[in-house]
Amino acid sequence: MRILYYNAGENPDLWLPRLEAALPEADIREWKAGDNAPADYALVWKPPRDMLSGRTGLKAVFNLAAGVDAILDRQHVLPENVPIIRLEDAGMAVQMAEYVTHAVLRYFRHFDEYDTFASRHEWHPLESADKAGFTIGILGLGVMGKRVAKALLHFGFPVRGWSRTPRQIDGVASFSGNGELDAFLNRTSVLVCLLPLTPETTGILNRRCFSRLKPGAFLINAGRGAHLIESDLMDALDSGQIRAATLDVTVTEPLPPSHPFWQDGRITITPHIAAKTLRDETIAQVTQKLRALEQNGITSGIVDRKRGY
């Protein structure tokens, strides 16, 4: 089993010894420019086009993250019969639940406002919000969306979810398809985006979307930066339709120091850390899937290239 490895932004010395220990039967090498030698599998995150171009002998490409938009940008260099396999959770869902729950509670309990008061040395208790009227809407009910929904239900929030196809989660009001998107958005107090990035979801967080929310709503985007039309968010903040936003992802990453989001106190920025890839969990999952493919050619997590996830 010959395996190519490329993981943009990661130290290969932290990955390769662990991969070799987990797969002693494999010949694993880090891809470097000019390496055109045969390989059976590729383990990648944001691979250069040259790495995959012309590799007709690949049995599968493993994406070392849950989101597959980066690899799908390069899919035209791969033969159509080469499956792309994504990570399924690998420790990321609980991190996402922590991140979103923290952001929701920060807004619901007015902690963002108390931070401002504290910076001015002001003691100013606020009225408690009405939880029954603080509806949280989750765009995307995959592995992460389901885990986030369950975490928020624990605190007694009304939770609704939207997905491309129907999904059922106990305690969650579920909506699906374009025909039910407006009903899902209507009077939502906190909109959480956890969607995969596809042509259909690009720019979904836009002026029209925001206008359907409850006035003074909050936005939490932990999906992809391209889900958001940035100018529409600024307009919604200025009009009061959106009161505040937490963004873990942006169109340009890293976010340039001159970007107006940094200077806007209504926007909280985090550097794409809501759900980080956990090394050991990822290697364990990839190892299991590789061996399953070698034994019987069957595994889970195969990406539908047309759907984009």
C-alpha atoms as a PDB file:
ATOM      1  CA  MET A   1       0.000   0.000   0.000  1.00  0.00           C
ATOM      2  CA  ARG A   2       1.693   3.195  -1.227  1.00  0.00           C
ATOM      3  CA  ILE A   3       0.420   6.380   0.418  1.00  0.00           C
ATOM      4  CA  LEU A   4       1.102  10.007  -0.471  1.00  0.00           C
ATOM      5  CA  TYR A   5       0.727  12.604   2.274  1.00  0.00           C
ATOM      6  CA  TYR A   6       0.279  16.374   1.987  1.00  0.00           C
ATOM      7  CA  ASN A   7      -1.296  18.515   4.710  1.00  0.00           C
ATOM      8  CA  ALA A   8      -1.057  22.268   4.125  1.00  0.00           C
ATOM      9  CA  GLY A   9      -0.034  24.221   7.215  1.00  0.00           C
ATOM     10  CA  GLU A  10       0.746  21.147   9.325  1.00  0.00           C
ATOM     11  CA  ASN A  11       4.152  19.940  10.511  1.00  0.00           C
ATOM     12  CA  PRO A  12       4.738  16.565   8.769  1.00  0.00           C
ATOM     13  CA  ASP A  13       6.965  15.462  11.671  1.00  0.00           C
ATOM     14  CA  LEU A  14       3.844  15.404  13.851  1.00  0.00           C
ATOM     15  CA  TRP A  15       1.905  13.269  11.376  1.00  0.00           C
ATOM     16  CA  LEU A  16       4.203  10.916   9.493  1.00  0.00           C
ATOM     17  CA  PRO A  17       5.601   8.943  12.482  1.00  0.00           C
ATOM     18  CA  ARG A  18       2.051   8.427  13.786  1.00  0.00           C
ATOM     19  CA  LEU A  19       0.787   7.342  10.368  1.00  0.00           C
ATOM     20  CA  GLU A  20       3.701   4.927  10.002  1.00  0.00           C
ATOM     21  CA  ALA A  21       3.015   3.458  13.447  1.00  0.00           C
ATOM     22  CA  ALA A  22      -0.686   3.036  12.652  1.00  0.00           C
ATOM     23  CA  LEU A  23      -0.026   1.558   9.190  1.00  0.00           C
ATOM     24  CA  PRO A  24       3.202  -0.438   9.429  1.00  0.00           C
ATOM     25  CA  GLU A  25       2.254  -2.359   6.297  1.00  0.00           C
ATOM     26  CA  ALA A  26       2.204   0.840   4.200  1.00  0.00           C
ATOM     27  CA  ASP A  27       4.884   2.794   2.369  1.00  0.00           C
ATOM     28  CA  ILE A  28       4.103   6.395   3.319  1.00  0.00           C
ATOM     29  CA  ARG A  29       5.855   9.412   1.855  1.00  0.00           C
ATOM     30  CA  GLU A  30       5.341  13.157   1.972  1.00  0.00           C
ATOM     31  CA  TRP A  31       4.576  14.567  -1.459  1.00  0.00           C
ATOM     32  CA  LYS A  32       6.987  17.165  -2.758  1.00  0.00           C
ATOM     33  CA  ALA A  33       7.016  19.017  -6.045  1.00  0.00           C
ATOM     34  CA  GLY A  34       8.098  16.757  -8.889  1.00  0.00           C
ATOM     35  CA  ASP A  35       7.013  13.511  -7.197  1.00  0.00           C
ATOM     36  CA  ASN A  36       5.171  11.620  -9.934  1.00  0.00           C
ATOM     37  CA  ALA A  37       5.869   8.131  -8.609  1.00  0.00           C
ATOM     38  CA  PRO A  38       2.874   5.777  -8.330  1.00  0.00           C
ATOM     39  CA  ALA A  39       0.646   5.797  -5.249  1.00  0.00           C
ATOM     40  CA  ASP A  40      -2.430   3.867  -4.177  1.00  0.00           C
ATOM     41  CA  TYR A  41      -3.887   6.447  -1.815  1.00  0.00           C
ATOM     42  CA  ALA A  42      -3.480  10.166  -1.099  1.00  0.00           C
ATOM     43  CA  LEU A  43      -4.043  11.744   2.325  1.00  0.00           C
ATOM     44  CA  VAL A  44      -4.458  15.465   1.760  1.00  0.00           C
ATOM     45  CA  TRP A  45      -5.583  18.865   2.914  1.00  0.00           C
ATOM     46  CA  LYS A  46      -5.520  21.645   0.307  1.00  0.00           C
ATOM     47  CA  PRO A  47      -3.215  19.734  -2.038  1.00  0.00           C
ATOM     48  CA  PRO A  48      -1.438  21.500  -4.907  1.00  0.00           C
ATOM     49  CA  ARG A  49      -2.960  20.691  -8.283  1.00  0.00           C
ATOM     50  CA  ASP A  50       0.311  19.116  -9.416  1.00  0.00           C
ATOM     51  CA  MET A  51       0.055  16.527  -6.671  1.00  0.00           C
ATOM     52  CA  LEU A  52      -3.128  14.917  -8.017  1.00  0.00           C
ATOM     53  CA  SER A  53      -2.923  15.704 -11.714  1.00  0.00           C
ATOM     54  CA  GLY A  54      -2.706  12.597 -13.872  1.00  0.00           C
ATOM     55  CA  ARG A  55      -2.751  10.111 -10.983  1.00  0.00           C
ATOM     56  CA  THR A  56      -4.948   7.520 -12.641  1.00  0.00           C
ATOM     57  CA  GLY A  57      -3.694   4.754 -10.338  1.00  0.00           C
ATOM     58  CA  LEU A  58      -5.190   6.154  -7.143  1.00  0.00           C
ATOM     59  CA  LYS A  59      -7.744   3.994  -5.365  1.00  0.00           C
ATOM     60  CA  ALA A  60      -9.003   6.870  -3.197  1.00  0.00           C
ATOM     61  CA  VAL A  61      -8.199  10.348  -1.918  1.00  0.00           C
ATOM     62  CA  PHE A  62      -8.710  10.994   1.800  1.00  0.00           C
ATOM     63  CA  ASN A  63      -9.528  14.570   2.798  1.00  0.00           C
ATOM     64  CA  LEU A  64      -7.986  15.291   6.215  1.00  0.00           C
ATOM     65  CA  ALA A  65     -10.901  17.481   7.336  1.00  0.00           C
ATOM     66  CA  ALA A  66     -14.686  17.440   7.368  1.00  0.00           C
ATOM     67  CA  GLY A  67     -15.147  20.190   4.758  1.00  0.00           C
ATOM     68  CA  VAL A  68     -14.338  19.038   1.235  1.00  0.00           C
ATOM     69  CA  ASP A  69     -14.652  22.285  -0.748  1.00  0.00           C
ATOM     70  CA  ALA A  70     -10.857  22.626  -1.026  1.00  0.00           C
ATOM     71  CA  ILE A  71     -10.421  19.192  -2.592  1.00  0.00           C
ATOM     72  CA  LEU A  72     -13.472  19.598  -4.831  1.00  0.00           C
ATOM     73  CA  ASP A  73     -11.834  22.711  -6.283  1.00  0.00           C
ATOM     74  CA  ARG A  74      -9.256  20.289  -7.689  1.00  0.00           C
ATOM     75  CA  GLN A  75     -11.550  17.421  -8.636  1.00  0.00           C
ATOM     76  CA  HIS A  76     -11.220  18.037 -12.365  1.00  0.00           C
ATOM     77  CA  VAL A  77      -7.631  16.753 -12.200  1.00  0.00           C
ATOM     78  CA  LEU A  78      -8.818  13.448 -10.702  1.00  0.00           C
ATOM     79  CA  PRO A  79     -10.466  10.680 -12.710  1.00  0.00           C
ATOM     80  CA  GLU A  80     -14.177  10.487 -11.920  1.00  0.00           C
ATOM     81  CA  ASN A  81     -13.868   6.927 -10.628  1.00  0.00           C
ATOM     82  CA  VAL A  82     -11.444   7.881  -7.835  1.00  0.00           C
ATOM     83  CA  PRO A  83     -13.521   8.276  -4.642  1.00  0.00           C
ATOM     84  CA  ILE A  84     -12.958  11.234  -2.342  1.00  0.00           C
ATOM     85  CA  ILE A  85     -13.418  10.269   1.303  1.00  0.00           C
ATOM     86  CA  ARG A  86     -14.083  12.813   4.038  1.00  0.00           C
ATOM     87  CA  LEU A  87     -13.619  12.647   7.777  1.00  0.00           C
ATOM     88  CA  GLU A  88     -16.707  11.788   9.790  1.00  0.00           C
ATOM     89  CA  ASP A  89     -16.522  13.653  13.095  1.00  0.00           C
ATOM     90  CA  ALA A  90     -13.068  12.500  14.346  1.00  0.00           C
ATOM     91  CA  GLY A  91     -13.527  14.606  17.465  1.00  0.00           C
ATOM     92  CA  MET A  92     -14.728  17.731  15.669  1.00  0.00           C
ATOM     93  CA  ALA A  93     -18.459  17.584  16.451  1.00  0.00           C
ATOM     94  CA  VAL A  94     -18.039  18.075  20.196  1.00  0.00           C
ATOM     95  CA  GLN A  95     -15.686  21.005  19.561  1.00  0.00           C
ATOM     96  CA  MET A  96     -18.296  22.602  17.312  1.00  0.00           C
ATOM     97  CA  ALA A  97     -20.950  22.061  19.968  1.00  0.00           C
ATOM     98  CA  GLU A  98     -18.714  23.804  22.521  1.00  0.00           C
ATOM     99  CA  TYR A  99     -18.045  26.720  20.180  1.00  0.00           C
ATOM    100  CA  VAL A 100     -21.651  27.342  19.184  1.00  0.00           C
ATOM    101  CA  THR A 101     -22.993  26.845  22.715  1.00  0.00           C
ATOM    102  CA  HIS A 102     -20.466  29.375  24.024  1.00  0.00           C
ATOM    103  CA  ALA A 103     -21.484  31.923  21.381  1.00  0.00           C
ATOM    104  CA  VAL A 104     -25.208  31.385  21.977  1.00  0.00           C
ATOM    105  CA  LEU A 105     -24.894  31.707  25.762  1.00  0.00           C
ATOM    106  CA  ARG A 106     -22.713  34.791  25.355  1.00  0.00           C
ATOM    107  CA  TYR A 107     -25.550  36.520  23.523  1.00  0.00           C
ATOM    108  CA  PHE A 108     -28.442  35.046  25.517  1.00  0.00           C
ATOM    109  CA  ARG A 109     -26.891  35.925  28.883  1.00  0.00           C
ATOM    110  CA  HIS A 110     -25.697  39.373  27.659  1.00  0.00           C
ATOM    111  CA  PHE A 111     -22.047  38.519  28.368  1.00  0.00           C
ATOM    112  CA  ASP A 112     -20.990  40.480  25.295  1.00  0.00           C
ATOM    113  CA  GLU A 113     -22.677  43.574  26.731  1.00  0.00           C
ATOM    114  CA  TYR A 114     -21.258  42.970  30.194  1.00  0.00           C
ATOM    115  CA  ASP A 115     -17.769  42.894  28.667  1.00  0.00           C
ATOM    116  CA  THR A 116     -18.422  46.360  27.271  1.00  0.00           C
ATOM    117  CA  PHE A 117     -19.738  47.637  30.601  1.00  0.00           C
ATOM    118  CA  ALA A 118     -16.721  46.205  32.423  1.00  0.00           C
ATOM    119  CA  SER A 119     -14.329  47.951  30.032  1.00  0.00           C
ATOM    120  CA  ARG A 120     -16.014  51.233  31.107  1.00  0.00           C
ATOM    121  CA  HIS A 121     -16.090  50.260  34.800  1.00  0.00           C
ATOM    122  CA  GLU A 122     -19.892  50.216  34.772  1.00  0.00           C
ATOM    123  CA  TRP A 123     -22.073  48.028  37.019  1.00  0.00           C
ATOM    124  CA  HIS A 124     -25.227  47.623  34.977  1.00  0.00           C
ATOM    125  CA  PRO A 125     -27.425  44.497  35.414  1.00  0.00           C
ATOM    126  CA  LEU A 126     -29.689  43.731  32.453  1.00  0.00           C
ATOM    127  CA  GLU A 127     -33.076  42.059  32.222  1.00  0.00           C
ATOM    128  CA  SER A 128     -32.944  38.336  31.503  1.00  0.00           C
ATOM    129  CA  ALA A 129     -33.914  37.287  28.000  1.00  0.00           C
ATOM    130  CA  ASP A 130     -36.991  35.165  27.363  1.00  0.00           C
ATOM    131  CA  LYS A 131     -35.696  31.720  26.498  1.00  0.00           C
ATOM    132  CA  ALA A 132     -38.984  30.611  24.959  1.00  0.00           C
ATOM    133  CA  GLY A 133     -38.650  33.396  22.416  1.00  0.00           C
ATOM    134  CA  PHE A 134     -34.942  32.835  21.767  1.00  0.00           C
ATOM    135  CA  THR A 135     -35.239  30.392  18.890  1.00  0.00           C
ATOM    136  CA  ILE A 136     -32.000  28.990  17.477  1.00  0.00           C
ATOM    137  CA  GLY A 137     -31.906  27.946  13.841  1.00  0.00           C
ATOM    138  CA  ILE A 138     -29.154  25.641  12.579  1.00  0.00           C
ATOM    139  CA  LEU A 139     -28.372  25.611   8.872  1.00  0.00           C
ATOM    140  CA  GLY A 140     -26.944  22.140   8.231  1.00  0.00           C
ATOM    141  CA  LEU A 141     -27.941  18.993  10.126  1.00  0.00           C
ATOM    142  CA  GLY A 142     -24.998  16.725   9.379  1.00  0.00           C
ATOM    143  CA  VAL A 143     -22.824  15.175  12.071  1.00  0.00           C
ATOM    144  CA  MET A 144     -21.829  18.557  13.501  1.00  0.00           C
ATOM    145  CA  GLY A 145     -25.264  20.124  13.196  1.00  0.00           C
ATOM    146  CA  LYS A 146     -26.882  17.246  15.054  1.00  0.00           C
ATOM    147  CA  ARG A 147     -24.330  17.452  17.867  1.00  0.00           C
ATOM    148  CA  VAL A 148     -24.821  21.214  18.168  1.00  0.00           C
ATOM    149  CA  ALA A 149     -28.607  20.820  18.242  1.00  0.00           C
ATOM    150  CA  LYS A 150     -28.430  18.263  21.049  1.00  0.00           C
ATOM    151  CA  ALA A 151     -26.117  20.504  23.087  1.00  0.00           C
ATOM    152  CA  LEU A 152     -28.478  23.468  22.786  1.00  0.00           C
ATOM    153  CA  LEU A 153     -31.552  21.382  23.583  1.00  0.00           C
ATOM    154  CA  HIS A 154     -29.857  20.489  26.877  1.00  0.00           C
ATOM    155  CA  PHE A 155     -30.175  24.148  27.924  1.00  0.00           C
ATOM    156  CA  GLY A 156     -33.857  24.292  26.995  1.00  0.00           C
ATOM    157  CA  PHE A 157     -33.606  26.492  23.908  1.00  0.00           C
ATOM    158  CA  PRO A 158     -36.163  26.107  21.117  1.00  0.00           C
ATOM    159  CA  VAL A 159     -34.112  24.619  18.273  1.00  0.00           C
ATOM    160  CA  ARG A 160     -34.963  24.295  14.612  1.00  0.00           C
ATOM    161  CA  GLY A 161     -32.826  22.935  11.792  1.00  0.00           C
ATOM    162  CA  TRP A 162     -32.665  23.145   8.019  1.00  0.00           C
ATOM    163  CA  SER A 163     -31.050  20.717   5.614  1.00  0.00           C
ATOM    164  CA  ARG A 164     -31.088  20.011   1.901  1.00  0.00           C
ATOM    165  CA  THR A 165     -32.973  16.761   2.435  1.00  0.00           C
ATOM    166  CA  PRO A 166     -35.315  15.853   5.335  1.00  0.00           C
ATOM    167  CA  ARG A 167     -33.651  14.992   8.655  1.00  0.00           C
ATOM    168  CA  GLN A 168     -35.345  14.081  11.922  1.00  0.00           C
ATOM    169  CA  ILE A 169     -33.829  14.868  15.330  1.00  0.00           C
ATOM    170  CA  ASP A 170     -35.844  14.434  18.526  1.00  0.00           C
ATOM    171  CA  GLY A 171     -36.829  17.822  19.934  1.00  0.00           C
ATOM    172  CA  VAL A 172     -35.768  19.765  16.815  1.00  0.00           C
ATOM    173  CA  ALA A 173     -38.250  21.374  14.436  1.00  0.00           C
ATOM    174  CA  SER A 174     -36.881  20.235  11.078  1.00  0.00           C
ATOM    175  CA  PHE A 175     -37.179  21.961   7.708  1.00  0.00           C
ATOM    176  CA  SER A 176     -35.720  20.947   4.359  1.00  0.00           C
ATOM    177  CA  GLY A 177     -35.294  22.130   0.805  1.00  0.00           C
ATOM    178  CA  ASN A 178     -35.582  25.579  -0.713  1.00  0.00           C
ATOM    179  CA  GLY A 179     -39.338  25.554  -0.268  1.00  0.00           C
ATOM    180  CA  GLU A 180     -39.048  25.476   3.531  1.00  0.00           C
ATOM    181  CA  LEU A 181     -36.095  27.840   3.978  1.00  0.00           C
ATOM    182  CA  ASP A 182     -38.200  30.951   4.627  1.00  0.00           C
ATOM    183  CA  ALA A 183     -40.347  29.135   7.203  1.00  0.00           C
ATOM    184  CA  PHE A 184     -37.147  27.996   8.930  1.00  0.00           C
ATOM    185  CA  LEU A 185     -35.711  31.527   9.009  1.00  0.00           C
ATOM    186  CA  ASN A 186     -38.933  33.213  10.116  1.00  0.00           C
ATOM    187  CA  ARG A 187     -38.536  34.774  13.596  1.00  0.00           C
ATOM    188  CA  THR A 188     -35.276  32.925  14.300  1.00  0.00           C
ATOM    189  CA  SER A 189     -33.288  34.739  17.011  1.00  0.00           C
ATOM    190  CA  VAL A 190     -29.884  33.102  16.408  1.00  0.00           C
ATOM    191  CA  LEU A 191     -28.877  31.775  13.008  1.00  0.00           C
ATOM    192  CA  VAL A 192     -26.054  29.210  13.067  1.00  0.00           C
ATOM    193  CA  CYS A 193     -24.451  28.217   9.754  1.00  0.00           C
ATOM    194  CA  LEU A 194     -22.754  24.792   9.623  1.00  0.00           C
ATOM    195  CA  LEU A 195     -23.437  24.008   5.978  1.00  0.00           C
ATOM    196  CA  PRO A 196     -20.964  22.478   3.542  1.00  0.00           C
ATOM    197  CA  LEU A 197     -19.858  24.923   0.875  1.00  0.00           C
ATOM    198  CA  THR A 198     -21.447  24.127  -2.478  1.00  0.00           C
ATOM    199  CA  PRO A 199     -22.589  26.271  -5.412  1.00  0.00           C
ATOM    200  CA  GLU A 200     -26.085  26.217  -3.886  1.00  0.00           C
ATOM    201  CA  THR A 201     -24.966  27.389  -0.420  1.00  0.00           C
ATOM    202  CA  THR A 202     -22.418  30.003  -1.528  1.00  0.00           C
ATOM    203  CA  GLY A 203     -23.735  33.408  -0.419  1.00  0.00           C
ATOM    204  CA  ILE A 204     -26.705  31.917   1.450  1.00  0.00           C
ATOM    205  CA  LEU A 205     -26.125  34.336   4.349  1.00  0.00           C
ATOM    206  CA  ASN A 206     -27.342  37.389   2.500  1.00  0.00           C
ATOM    207  CA  ARG A 207     -29.687  40.370   2.682  1.00  0.00           C
ATOM    208  CA  ARG A 208     -32.775  38.316   1.912  1.00  0.00           C
ATOM    209  CA  CYS A 209     -31.857  35.686   4.510  1.00  0.00           C
ATOM    210  CA  PHE A 210     -31.280  38.304   7.215  1.00  0.00           C
ATOM    211  CA  SER A 211     -34.575  40.054   6.467  1.00  0.00           C
ATOM    212  CA  ARG A 212     -36.499  36.880   7.412  1.00  0.00           C
ATOM    213  CA  LEU A 213     -34.958  36.666  10.883  1.00  0.00           C
ATOM    214  CA  LYS A 214     -36.357  38.166  14.045  1.00  0.00           C
ATOM    215  CA  PRO A 215     -35.288  41.841  14.244  1.00  0.00           C
ATOM    216  CA  GLY A 216     -32.128  42.138  16.328  1.00  0.00           C
ATOM    217  CA  ALA A 217     -31.078  38.555  15.586  1.00  0.00           C
ATOM    218  CA  PHE A 218     -27.598  37.123  16.006  1.00  0.00           C
ATOM    219  CA  LEU A 219     -25.452  35.333  13.425  1.00  0.00           C
ATOM    220  CA  ILE A 220     -22.906  32.576  14.094  1.00  0.00           C
ATOM    221  CA  ASN A 221     -21.002  31.375  11.029  1.00  0.00           C
ATOM    222  CA  ALA A 222     -18.765  28.367  11.574  1.00  0.00           C
ATOM    223  CA  GLY A 223     -19.270  26.904   8.107  1.00  0.00           C
ATOM    224  CA  ARG A 224     -17.245  28.629   5.391  1.00  0.00           C
ATOM    225  CA  GLY A 225     -16.480  32.271   4.757  1.00  0.00           C
ATOM    226  CA  ALA A 226     -18.029  32.146   1.287  1.00  0.00           C
ATOM    227  CA  HIS A 227     -21.434  31.409   2.814  1.00  0.00           C
ATOM    228  CA  LEU A 228     -21.584  35.067   3.831  1.00  0.00           C
ATOM    229  CA  ILE A 229     -22.079  38.171   1.703  1.00  0.00           C
ATOM    230  CA  GLU A 230     -19.974  40.458   3.870  1.00  0.00           C
ATOM    231  CA  SER A 231     -21.485  43.753   2.683  1.00  0.00           C
ATOM    232  CA  ASP A 232     -24.978  42.422   3.405  1.00  0.00           C
ATOM    233  CA  LEU A 233     -23.958  41.632   6.978  1.00  0.00           C
ATOM    234  CA  MET A 234     -22.609  45.161   7.475  1.00  0.00           C
ATOM    235  CA  ASP A 235     -25.869  46.621   6.145  1.00  0.00           C
ATOM    236  CA  ALA A 236     -27.916  44.337   8.416  1.00  0.00           C
ATOM    237  CA  LEU A 237     -25.836  45.371  11.427  1.00  0.00           C
ATOM    238  CA  ASP A 238     -26.226  49.052  10.597  1.00  0.00           C
ATOM    239  CA  SER A 239     -30.002  48.688  10.248  1.00  0.00           C
ATOM    240  CA  GLY A 240     -30.306  46.720  13.489  1.00  0.00           C
ATOM    241  CA  GLN A 241     -31.760  43.655  11.763  1.00  0.00           C
ATOM    242  CA  ILE A 242     -28.655  41.791  12.971  1.00  0.00           C
ATOM    243  CA  ARG A 243     -27.460  42.887  16.415  1.00  0.00           C
ATOM    244  CA  ALA A 244     -24.155  41.021  16.506  1.00  0.00           C
ATOM    245  CA  ALA A 245     -22.235  38.271  14.741  1.00  0.00           C
ATOM    246  CA  THR A 246     -19.629  35.654  15.623  1.00  0.00           C
ATOM    247  CA  LEU A 247     -17.536  34.604  12.630  1.00  0.00           C
ATOM    248  CA  ASP A 248     -15.077  31.732  12.785  1.00  0.00           C
ATOM    249  CA  VAL A 249     -14.598  31.804   9.013  1.00  0.00           C
ATOM    250  CA  THR A 250     -14.142  34.622   6.518  1.00  0.00           C
ATOM    251  CA  VAL A 251     -13.921  34.935   2.750  1.00  0.00           C
ATOM    252  CA  THR A 252     -10.208  35.726   2.997  1.00  0.00           C
ATOM    253  CA  GLU A 253      -8.207  33.791   5.579  1.00  0.00           C
ATOM    254  CA  PRO A 254      -6.284  34.993   7.461  1.00  0.00           C
ATOM    255  CA  LEU A 255      -8.527  38.039   7.687  1.00  0.00           C
ATOM    256  CA  PRO A 256      -6.418  41.058   6.606  1.00  0.00           C
ATOM    257  CA  PRO A 257      -5.587  43.507   9.427  1.00  0.00           C
ATOM    258  CA  SER A 258      -7.233  46.311   7.451  1.00  0.00           C
ATOM    259  CA  HIS A 259     -10.560  44.491   7.088  1.00  0.00           C
ATOM    260  CA  PRO A 260     -13.477  46.475   8.629  1.00  0.00           C
ATOM    261  CA  PHE A 261     -14.666  43.415  10.579  1.00  0.00           C
ATOM    262  CA  TRP A 262     -11.726  43.866  12.979  1.00  0.00           C
ATOM    263  CA  GLN A 263     -12.812  47.393  13.857  1.00  0.00           C
ATOM    264  CA  ASP A 264     -16.501  46.611  14.373  1.00  0.00           C
ATOM    265  CA  GLY A 265     -17.351  45.900  18.003  1.00  0.00           C
ATOM    266  CA  ARG A 266     -20.509  44.066  16.954  1.00  0.00           C
ATOM    267  CA  ILE A 267     -18.481  41.353  15.220  1.00  0.00           C
ATOM    268  CA  THR A 268     -16.465  38.710  17.064  1.00  0.00           C
ATOM    269  CA  ILE A 269     -13.747  37.031  15.005  1.00  0.00           C
ATOM    270  CA  THR A 270     -12.030  33.722  15.735  1.00  0.00           C
ATOM    271  CA  PRO A 271      -9.332  32.245  13.434  1.00  0.00           C
ATOM    272  CA  HIS A 272     -11.118  29.173  12.015  1.00  0.00           C
ATOM    273  CA  ILE A 273     -10.739  27.177  15.213  1.00  0.00           C
ATOM    274  CA  ALA A 274     -14.337  26.156  15.987  1.00  0.00           C
ATOM    275  CA  ALA A 275     -13.598  22.496  15.213  1.00  0.00           C
ATOM    276  CA  LYS A 276      -9.961  21.662  14.598  1.00  0.00           C
ATOM    277  CA  THR A 277      -8.764  18.393  13.113  1.00  0.00           C
ATOM    278  CA  LEU A 278      -7.565  16.171  15.955  1.00  0.00           C
ATOM    279  CA  ARG A 279      -4.485  14.286  14.840  1.00  0.00           C
ATOM    280  CA  ASP A 280      -4.831  10.966  16.658  1.00  0.00           C
ATOM    281  CA  GLU A 281      -8.579  10.662  16.047  1.00  0.00           C
ATOM    282  CA  THR A 282      -8.076  11.457  12.367  1.00  0.00           C
ATOM    283  CA  ILE A 283      -5.301   8.901  11.929  1.00  0.00           C
ATOM    284  CA  ALA A 284      -7.392   6.226  13.661  1.00  0.00           C
ATOM    285  CA  GLN A 285     -10.339   6.884  11.352  1.00  0.00           C
ATOM    286  CA  VAL A 286      -8.234   7.026   8.188  1.00  0.00           C
ATOM    287  CA  THR A 287      -6.477   3.789   9.184  1.00  0.00           C
ATOM    288  CA  GLN A 288      -9.780   1.995   9.681  1.00  0.00           C
ATOM    289  CA  LYS A 289     -11.121   3.211   6.341  1.00  0.00           C
ATOM    290  CA  LEU A 290      -7.955   2.358   4.438  1.00  0.00           C
ATOM    291  CA  ARG A 291      -7.966  -1.175   5.739  1.00  0.00           C
ATOM    292  CA  ALA A 292     -11.661  -1.550   4.947  1.00  0.00           C
ATOM    293  CA  LEU A 293     -11.012  -0.451   1.376  1.00  0.00           C
ATOM    294  CA  GLU A 294      -8.114  -2.877   1.055  1.00  0.00           C
ATOM    295  CA  GLN A 295     -10.155  -5.764   2.446  1.00  0.00           C
ATOM    296  CA  ASN A 296     -13.494  -5.350   0.693  1.00  0.00           C
ATOM    297  CA  GLY A 297     -13.506  -2.060  -1.201  1.00  0.00           C
ATOM    298  CA  ILE A 298     -16.224  -0.593   1.026  1.00  0.00           C
ATOM    299  CA  THR A 299     -16.108   2.325   3.467  1.00  0.00           C
ATOM    300  CA  SER A 300     -18.237   5.245   4.620  1.00  0.00           C
ATOM    301  CA  GLY A 301     -17.739   8.967   4.095  1.00  0.00           C
ATOM    302  CA  ILE A 302     -17.530   8.876   0.298  1.00  0.00           C
ATOM    303  CA  VAL A 303     -18.208  12.336  -1.118  1.00  0.00           C
ATOM    304  CA  ASP A 304     -20.960  12.872  -3.667  1.00  0.00           C
ATOM    305  CA  ARG A 305     -19.133  15.144  -6.089  1.00  0.00           C
ATOM    306  CA  LYS A 306     -22.360  16.524  -7.560  1.00  0.00           C
ATOM    307  CA  ARG A 307     -23.784  17.478  -4.166  1.00  0.00           C
ATOM    308  CA  GLY A 308     -20.453  18.734  -2.891  1.00  0.00           C
ATOM    309  CA  TYR A 309     -20.397  16.773   0.381  1.00  0.00           C
END
